[in-house]
Protein backbone atom coordinates (compact mmCIF):
# COMPACT_ATOMS: atom_id res chain seq x y z
CA MET A 1 48.01 -73.30 53.82
CA PRO A 2 50.85 -74.45 51.54
CA ASP A 3 48.69 -73.68 48.49
CA LEU A 4 48.43 -70.05 49.54
CA SER A 5 52.19 -69.60 49.84
CA ILE A 6 52.79 -71.25 46.46
CA GLY A 7 50.24 -68.89 44.94
CA LEU A 8 51.91 -65.88 46.52
CA VAL A 9 55.34 -66.91 45.27
CA LEU A 10 53.99 -67.59 41.78
CA SER A 11 52.20 -64.23 41.76
CA GLY A 12 55.41 -62.49 42.82
CA VAL A 13 57.38 -64.15 40.04
CA VAL A 14 54.77 -63.19 37.44
CA LEU A 15 54.63 -59.60 38.69
CA PHE A 16 58.43 -59.27 38.68
CA ALA A 17 58.66 -60.76 35.18
CA SER A 18 56.05 -58.30 33.88
CA TYR A 19 57.85 -55.46 35.68
CA MET A 20 61.03 -56.34 33.80
CA VAL A 21 59.39 -56.46 30.32
CA PRO A 22 61.39 -53.47 29.00
CA PHE A 23 64.65 -55.18 29.94
CA TRP A 24 63.60 -58.48 28.35
CA ILE A 25 62.66 -56.59 25.15
CA ALA A 26 66.02 -54.80 25.11
CA LEU A 27 67.86 -58.11 25.54
CA GLY A 28 65.81 -59.79 22.83
CA ARG A 29 66.49 -56.98 20.38
CA GLY A 30 70.20 -56.96 21.16
CA HIS A 31 69.99 -53.35 22.31
CA CYS A 32 73.42 -51.82 22.83
CA ASN A 33 72.23 -50.12 26.03
CA ALA A 34 70.40 -53.08 27.59
CA SER A 35 72.25 -52.50 30.85
CA GLY A 36 71.02 -48.90 30.90
CA VAL A 37 67.47 -50.04 30.25
CA PHE A 38 67.88 -52.51 33.11
CA ALA A 39 69.12 -49.78 35.47
CA VAL A 40 66.31 -47.36 34.61
CA ASN A 41 63.74 -50.12 34.86
CA LEU A 42 65.04 -51.40 38.18
CA LEU A 43 65.48 -48.00 39.83
CA PHE A 44 62.60 -46.01 38.35
CA GLY A 45 60.27 -48.64 36.91
CA TRP A 46 58.13 -48.60 40.03
CA THR A 47 56.78 -45.29 38.76
CA ALA A 48 54.63 -45.49 35.67
CA ILE A 49 56.75 -42.84 33.96
CA GLY A 50 60.02 -44.66 34.67
CA TRP A 51 58.59 -47.92 33.35
CA LEU A 52 57.36 -46.19 30.18
CA VAL A 53 60.74 -44.50 29.67
CA ALA A 54 62.47 -47.86 29.94
CA LEU A 55 59.96 -49.42 27.53
CA VAL A 56 60.36 -46.67 24.93
CA TRP A 57 64.13 -46.87 25.24
CA ALA A 58 64.02 -50.65 24.79
CA LEU A 59 61.85 -50.28 21.68
CA GLU A 60 64.04 -47.56 20.20
CA LYS A 61 65.68 -48.53 16.93
CA PRO A 62 69.30 -49.51 17.59
CA GLU A 63 71.95 -47.21 16.16
CA GLN A 64 73.68 -48.39 13.01
CA ALA A 65 77.46 -48.57 13.30
């Protein structure tokens, strides 16, 4: 039985990490609105459209100052 619970926890961690891909991309690119990407991803990412919006926003070219 312990193997099953370890597998479930590991699966949950992998699923959450893949769910947060737009946020990780925004952080890696040094996006000025990474916190906004995080909020959209966390609140609306459970819908396919919300996740895609967060991903597109994270991939958007940062504004030049």
